[in-house]
Amino acid sequence: MLGIDIIKISRMASLMEHFGEKALQRFLCDEEIKNIKNSTNAAGYWAAKEALSKALGTGIGKDCSFHDIKIYKTPKGAPKVALSSKLIQNFNITDAALSITHDGEYAIAVVTITTSSPANKIQEF
């Protein structure tokens, strides 16, 4: 399954300016907040979480909250995703891949999810 999201970085900058760390706490855990250097990073994390929720087919809400998804980086700086046991079990997730990019005024993220669920297999006709 595939999900993509885009956010204007100035939108995130405005949220951070108006609400400070409370804006970040809305969608990030304490560990993630430590990794945020600026609104560009924050926008990338937002887009990643939105993209993952779209890949699940739910969007952010009751079935998948921002705090069910955790973004972290490898020692070389590549973004990775960790998921709550609730998401893994409810959606039969076996693997996920994440890519985040920033260009000009935008942050974009793409997520692929692999599941063991037969409901998500390609349909025949």
N, C-alpha and C. Protein backbone atom coordinates (compact mmCIF):
# COMPACT_ATOMS: atom_id res chain seq x y z
N MET A 1 0.85 -1.16 0.00
CA MET A 1 0.00 0.00 0.00
C MET A 1 0.90 1.23 0.00
N LEU A 2 0.42 2.28 -0.60
CA LEU A 2 1.23 3.48 -0.82
C LEU A 2 0.49 4.71 -0.30
N GLY A 3 1.22 5.62 0.33
CA GLY A 3 0.65 6.89 0.78
C GLY A 3 1.63 8.01 0.50
N ILE A 4 1.10 9.18 0.21
CA ILE A 4 1.93 10.36 -0.06
C ILE A 4 1.28 11.58 0.59
N ASP A 5 2.10 12.53 1.02
CA ASP A 5 1.57 13.77 1.57
C ASP A 5 2.54 14.91 1.27
N ILE A 6 1.99 16.09 1.17
CA ILE A 6 2.78 17.30 0.94
C ILE A 6 2.25 18.38 1.89
N ILE A 7 3.16 19.18 2.41
CA ILE A 7 2.78 20.28 3.29
C ILE A 7 3.67 21.48 2.97
N LYS A 8 3.07 22.64 2.98
CA LYS A 8 3.84 23.87 2.79
C LYS A 8 4.58 24.17 4.10
N ILE A 9 5.88 24.34 4.01
CA ILE A 9 6.71 24.53 5.19
C ILE A 9 6.30 25.77 5.98
N SER A 10 5.87 26.81 5.30
CA SER A 10 5.43 28.02 6.00
C SER A 10 4.22 27.77 6.89
N ARG A 11 3.39 26.80 6.52
CA ARG A 11 2.24 26.43 7.36
C ARG A 11 2.75 25.88 8.70
N MET A 12 3.76 25.01 8.64
CA MET A 12 4.33 24.45 9.86
C MET A 12 5.04 25.54 10.66
N ALA A 13 5.75 26.44 9.98
CA ALA A 13 6.45 27.54 10.66
C ALA A 13 5.45 28.39 11.43
N SER A 14 4.31 28.65 10.82
CA SER A 14 3.28 29.45 11.47
C SER A 14 2.73 28.75 12.72
N LEU A 15 2.48 27.45 12.60
CA LEU A 15 2.00 26.68 13.76
C LEU A 15 3.01 26.74 14.90
N MET A 16 4.28 26.56 14.57
CA MET A 16 5.32 26.57 15.59
C MET A 16 5.48 27.96 16.21
N GLU A 17 5.33 28.98 15.40
CA GLU A 17 5.45 30.36 15.89
C GLU A 17 4.30 30.69 16.86
N HIS A 18 3.10 30.28 16.50
CA HIS A 18 1.93 30.60 17.32
C HIS A 18 1.80 29.73 18.56
N PHE A 19 2.16 28.44 18.47
CA PHE A 19 1.89 27.52 19.57
C PHE A 19 3.13 26.91 20.20
N GLY A 20 4.30 27.22 19.67
CA GLY A 20 5.55 26.72 20.23
C GLY A 20 5.60 25.21 20.28
N GLU A 21 6.14 24.68 21.37
CA GLU A 21 6.31 23.24 21.50
C GLU A 21 4.98 22.49 21.55
N LYS A 22 3.91 23.16 21.97
CA LYS A 22 2.58 22.52 21.99
C LYS A 22 2.18 22.08 20.58
N ALA A 23 2.56 22.85 19.58
CA ALA A 23 2.26 22.46 18.20
C ALA A 23 2.94 21.15 17.86
N LEU A 24 4.19 21.01 18.28
CA LEU A 24 4.94 19.79 18.01
C LEU A 24 4.40 18.61 18.81
N GLN A 25 4.03 18.86 20.07
CA GLN A 25 3.50 17.79 20.92
C GLN A 25 2.19 17.21 20.38
N ARG A 26 1.51 17.96 19.57
CA ARG A 26 0.26 17.47 18.98
C ARG A 26 0.50 16.25 18.09
N PHE A 27 1.66 16.22 17.42
CA PHE A 27 1.88 15.12 16.48
C PHE A 27 3.21 14.39 16.65
N LEU A 28 4.04 14.82 17.60
CA LEU A 28 5.34 14.18 17.82
C LEU A 28 5.51 13.75 19.27
N CYS A 29 6.28 12.67 19.47
CA CYS A 29 6.64 12.26 20.83
C CYS A 29 7.89 13.06 21.24
N ASP A 30 8.27 12.95 22.52
CA ASP A 30 9.42 13.71 23.03
C ASP A 30 10.71 13.40 22.27
N GLU A 31 10.94 12.12 21.94
CA GLU A 31 12.14 11.74 21.19
C GLU A 31 12.18 12.42 19.83
N GLU A 32 11.03 12.47 19.15
CA GLU A 32 10.96 13.10 17.83
C GLU A 32 11.21 14.60 17.94
N ILE A 33 10.65 15.22 18.95
CA ILE A 33 10.81 16.67 19.14
C ILE A 33 12.29 17.02 19.29
N LYS A 34 13.06 16.15 19.95
CA LYS A 34 14.51 16.39 20.11
C LYS A 34 15.22 16.43 18.75
N ASN A 35 14.68 15.75 17.75
CA ASN A 35 15.30 15.71 16.42
C ASN A 35 14.90 16.88 15.52
N ILE A 36 13.93 17.67 15.96
CA ILE A 36 13.45 18.78 15.13
C ILE A 36 14.38 19.97 15.28
N LYS A 37 14.95 20.39 14.16
CA LYS A 37 15.86 21.54 14.15
C LYS A 37 15.17 22.81 13.70
N ASN A 38 14.11 22.65 12.87
CA ASN A 38 13.43 23.81 12.31
C ASN A 38 12.08 23.38 11.73
N SER A 39 11.37 24.33 11.17
CA SER A 39 10.04 24.04 10.61
C SER A 39 10.12 23.10 9.40
N THR A 40 11.24 23.09 8.71
CA THR A 40 11.41 22.19 7.57
C THR A 40 11.40 20.74 8.04
N ASN A 41 12.17 20.44 9.09
CA ASN A 41 12.17 19.09 9.66
C ASN A 41 10.79 18.70 10.16
N ALA A 42 10.16 19.61 10.89
CA ALA A 42 8.84 19.33 11.46
C ALA A 42 7.83 19.04 10.35
N ALA A 43 7.89 19.81 9.28
CA ALA A 43 6.97 19.60 8.16
C ALA A 43 7.19 18.22 7.54
N GLY A 44 8.44 17.80 7.43
CA GLY A 44 8.74 16.47 6.89
C GLY A 44 8.16 15.36 7.75
N TYR A 45 8.25 15.51 9.07
CA TYR A 45 7.69 14.51 9.98
C TYR A 45 6.16 14.49 9.87
N TRP A 46 5.55 15.67 9.78
CA TRP A 46 4.09 15.75 9.61
C TRP A 46 3.68 15.00 8.33
N ALA A 47 4.34 15.32 7.23
CA ALA A 47 4.01 14.69 5.95
C ALA A 47 4.20 13.17 6.02
N ALA A 48 5.24 12.71 6.72
CA ALA A 48 5.49 11.28 6.84
C ALA A 48 4.35 10.57 7.56
N LYS A 49 3.89 11.17 8.65
CA LYS A 49 2.81 10.55 9.42
C LYS A 49 1.49 10.57 8.64
N GLU A 50 1.23 11.66 7.95
CA GLU A 50 0.02 11.73 7.12
C GLU A 50 0.10 10.71 5.99
N ALA A 51 1.27 10.58 5.35
CA ALA A 51 1.42 9.63 4.25
C ALA A 51 1.20 8.20 4.73
N LEU A 52 1.72 7.87 5.92
CA LEU A 52 1.54 6.52 6.44
C LEU A 52 0.06 6.24 6.71
N SER A 53 -0.63 7.21 7.29
CA SER A 53 -2.06 7.00 7.58
C SER A 53 -2.86 6.84 6.29
N LYS A 54 -2.43 7.52 5.24
CA LYS A 54 -3.10 7.38 3.94
C LYS A 54 -2.81 6.01 3.32
N ALA A 55 -1.59 5.52 3.52
CA ALA A 55 -1.26 4.19 3.02
C ALA A 55 -2.13 3.13 3.70
N LEU A 56 -2.48 3.36 4.95
CA LEU A 56 -3.36 2.44 5.66
C LEU A 56 -4.81 2.56 5.19
N GLY A 57 -5.12 3.67 4.53
CA GLY A 57 -6.49 3.89 4.07
C GLY A 57 -7.41 4.48 5.12
N THR A 58 -6.81 5.03 6.19
CA THR A 58 -7.63 5.56 7.28
C THR A 58 -7.53 7.07 7.43
N GLY A 59 -6.36 7.63 7.12
CA GLY A 59 -6.09 9.00 7.49
C GLY A 59 -5.84 9.04 8.99
N ILE A 60 -5.46 10.21 9.49
CA ILE A 60 -5.25 10.37 10.94
C ILE A 60 -6.62 10.46 11.60
N GLY A 61 -6.81 9.66 12.64
CA GLY A 61 -8.09 9.64 13.35
C GLY A 61 -8.11 8.54 14.38
N LYS A 62 -9.28 7.94 14.56
CA LYS A 62 -9.47 6.92 15.59
C LYS A 62 -8.61 5.69 15.35
N ASP A 63 -8.52 5.23 14.12
CA ASP A 63 -7.80 3.99 13.82
C ASP A 63 -6.29 4.16 13.75
N CYS A 64 -5.85 5.39 13.52
CA CYS A 64 -4.41 5.67 13.40
C CYS A 64 -4.17 7.11 13.85
N SER A 65 -3.56 7.26 15.02
CA SER A 65 -3.27 8.62 15.51
C SER A 65 -1.83 8.99 15.18
N PHE A 66 -1.52 10.27 15.27
CA PHE A 66 -0.15 10.72 15.05
C PHE A 66 0.82 9.97 15.97
N HIS A 67 0.37 9.67 17.19
CA HIS A 67 1.25 9.05 18.18
C HIS A 67 1.35 7.54 18.05
N ASP A 68 0.68 6.95 17.05
CA ASP A 68 0.87 5.54 16.71
C ASP A 68 2.05 5.37 15.74
N ILE A 69 2.59 6.48 15.28
CA ILE A 69 3.67 6.48 14.29
C ILE A 69 4.85 7.25 14.87
N LYS A 70 6.03 6.66 14.79
CA LYS A 70 7.23 7.33 15.31
C LYS A 70 8.28 7.36 14.20
N ILE A 71 8.80 8.55 13.94
CA ILE A 71 9.84 8.74 12.93
C ILE A 71 11.19 8.82 13.66
N TYR A 72 12.16 8.08 13.16
CA TYR A 72 13.51 8.16 13.71
C TYR A 72 14.50 8.11 12.55
N LYS A 73 15.76 8.33 12.86
CA LYS A 73 16.77 8.34 11.80
C LYS A 73 17.84 7.29 12.07
N THR A 74 18.36 6.72 10.99
CA THR A 74 19.48 5.80 11.10
C THR A 74 20.74 6.59 11.42
N PRO A 75 21.82 5.92 11.79
CA PRO A 75 23.08 6.65 12.04
C PRO A 75 23.54 7.49 10.84
N LYS A 76 23.14 7.09 9.63
CA LYS A 76 23.52 7.86 8.44
C LYS A 76 22.49 8.94 8.10
N GLY A 77 21.43 9.05 8.90
CA GLY A 77 20.45 10.12 8.71
C GLY A 77 19.23 9.77 7.88
N ALA A 78 19.10 8.51 7.47
CA ALA A 78 17.92 8.11 6.69
C ALA A 78 16.70 8.02 7.60
N PRO A 79 15.56 8.54 7.15
CA PRO A 79 14.37 8.44 7.98
C PRO A 79 13.80 7.03 7.97
N LYS A 80 13.35 6.60 9.14
CA LYS A 80 12.71 5.29 9.31
C LYS A 80 11.43 5.49 10.11
N VAL A 81 10.58 4.49 10.07
CA VAL A 81 9.31 4.58 10.79
C VAL A 81 9.17 3.38 11.73
N ALA A 82 8.69 3.66 12.93
CA ALA A 82 8.32 2.63 13.90
C ALA A 82 6.82 2.80 14.16
N LEU A 83 6.14 1.69 14.39
CA LEU A 83 4.69 1.73 14.57
C LEU A 83 4.27 1.11 15.89
N SER A 84 3.16 1.59 16.42
CA SER A 84 2.61 1.02 17.65
C SER A 84 2.19 -0.42 17.38
N SER A 85 2.18 -1.22 18.43
CA SER A 85 1.73 -2.61 18.28
C SER A 85 0.27 -2.64 17.83
N LYS A 86 -0.51 -1.64 18.22
CA LYS A 86 -1.91 -1.55 17.78
C LYS A 86 -2.00 -1.51 16.26
N LEU A 87 -1.20 -0.64 15.63
CA LEU A 87 -1.23 -0.54 14.17
C LEU A 87 -0.74 -1.82 13.51
N ILE A 88 0.37 -2.34 14.02
CA ILE A 88 0.93 -3.56 13.42
C ILE A 88 -0.09 -4.69 13.47
N GLN A 89 -0.74 -4.87 14.59
CA GLN A 89 -1.69 -5.97 14.75
C GLN A 89 -2.99 -5.71 13.99
N ASN A 90 -3.54 -4.51 14.09
CA ASN A 90 -4.83 -4.22 13.45
C ASN A 90 -4.76 -4.24 11.93
N PHE A 91 -3.59 -3.91 11.38
CA PHE A 91 -3.46 -3.84 9.93
C PHE A 91 -2.54 -4.92 9.35
N ASN A 92 -2.10 -5.84 10.21
CA ASN A 92 -1.22 -6.94 9.78
C ASN A 92 0.01 -6.45 9.04
N ILE A 93 0.63 -5.39 9.54
CA ILE A 93 1.78 -4.77 8.87
C ILE A 93 3.03 -5.62 9.10
N THR A 94 3.73 -5.91 8.02
CA THR A 94 4.98 -6.67 8.12
C THR A 94 6.20 -5.81 7.80
N ASP A 95 6.01 -4.70 7.08
CA ASP A 95 7.14 -3.84 6.75
C ASP A 95 6.62 -2.48 6.29
N ALA A 96 7.47 -1.47 6.43
CA ALA A 96 7.13 -0.12 5.95
C ALA A 96 8.42 0.57 5.52
N ALA A 97 8.32 1.38 4.48
CA ALA A 97 9.45 2.16 4.00
C ALA A 97 9.02 3.62 3.88
N LEU A 98 9.93 4.53 4.16
CA LEU A 98 9.62 5.96 4.21
C LEU A 98 10.68 6.75 3.45
N SER A 99 10.23 7.75 2.70
CA SER A 99 11.13 8.72 2.09
C SER A 99 10.55 10.12 2.32
N ILE A 100 11.40 11.03 2.77
CA ILE A 100 11.00 12.43 3.00
C ILE A 100 11.92 13.31 2.16
N THR A 101 11.33 14.31 1.51
CA THR A 101 12.14 15.28 0.77
C THR A 101 11.61 16.69 1.03
N HIS A 102 12.48 17.65 0.88
CA HIS A 102 12.13 19.06 1.04
C HIS A 102 12.61 19.77 -0.21
N ASP A 103 11.75 20.61 -0.77
CA ASP A 103 12.17 21.37 -1.94
C ASP A 103 11.45 22.72 -1.89
N GLY A 104 12.21 23.76 -1.85
CA GLY A 104 11.62 25.09 -1.81
C GLY A 104 10.71 25.26 -0.61
N GLU A 105 9.45 25.51 -0.88
CA GLU A 105 8.47 25.77 0.16
C GLU A 105 7.74 24.53 0.65
N TYR A 106 8.12 23.35 0.18
CA TYR A 106 7.33 22.16 0.48
C TYR A 106 8.16 21.03 1.07
N ALA A 107 7.49 20.23 1.90
CA ALA A 107 8.02 18.96 2.39
C ALA A 107 7.07 17.88 1.88
N ILE A 108 7.64 16.80 1.38
CA ILE A 108 6.85 15.72 0.80
C ILE A 108 7.34 14.40 1.40
N ALA A 109 6.41 13.49 1.67
CA ALA A 109 6.78 12.17 2.16
C ALA A 109 5.99 11.11 1.41
N VAL A 110 6.66 9.98 1.18
CA VAL A 110 6.04 8.82 0.55
C VAL A 110 6.30 7.62 1.46
N VAL A 111 5.26 6.81 1.68
CA VAL A 111 5.37 5.62 2.52
C VAL A 111 4.80 4.43 1.76
N THR A 112 5.49 3.31 1.85
CA THR A 112 4.94 2.05 1.38
C THR A 112 4.80 1.12 2.58
N ILE A 113 3.72 0.37 2.58
CA ILE A 113 3.46 -0.58 3.66
C ILE A 113 3.21 -1.94 3.04
N THR A 114 3.79 -2.95 3.65
CA THR A 114 3.53 -4.33 3.26
C THR A 114 2.72 -4.98 4.38
N THR A 115 1.67 -5.70 4.00
CA THR A 115 0.85 -6.39 5.00
C THR A 115 0.72 -7.86 4.63
N SER A 116 0.30 -8.61 5.61
CA SER A 116 0.03 -10.03 5.37
C SER A 116 -1.46 -10.27 5.20
N SER A 117 -2.22 -9.20 5.09
CA SER A 117 -3.68 -9.30 4.99
C SER A 117 -4.12 -9.62 3.56
N PRO A 118 -4.92 -10.68 3.39
CA PRO A 118 -5.41 -11.00 2.04
C PRO A 118 -6.33 -9.92 1.48
N ALA A 119 -6.92 -9.11 2.34
CA ALA A 119 -7.82 -8.05 1.87
C ALA A 119 -7.08 -6.99 1.09
N ASN A 120 -5.77 -6.90 1.27
CA ASN A 120 -4.98 -5.86 0.60
C ASN A 120 -4.24 -6.38 -0.62
N LYS A 121 -4.50 -7.60 -1.00
CA LYS A 121 -3.88 -8.17 -2.20
C LYS A 121 -4.60 -7.63 -3.44
N ILE A 122 -3.94 -7.71 -4.55
CA ILE A 122 -4.54 -7.24 -5.80
C ILE A 122 -5.77 -8.10 -6.14
N GLN A 123 -6.78 -7.45 -6.62
CA GLN A 123 -8.01 -8.17 -6.98
C GLN A 123 -7.92 -8.73 -8.39
N GLU A 124 -8.48 -9.91 -8.55
CA GLU A 124 -8.54 -10.52 -9.87
C GLU A 124 -9.87 -10.20 -10.53
N PHE A 125 -9.91 -10.28 -11.85
CA PHE A 125 -11.19 -10.16 -12.58
C PHE A 125 -11.20 -11.15 -13.71
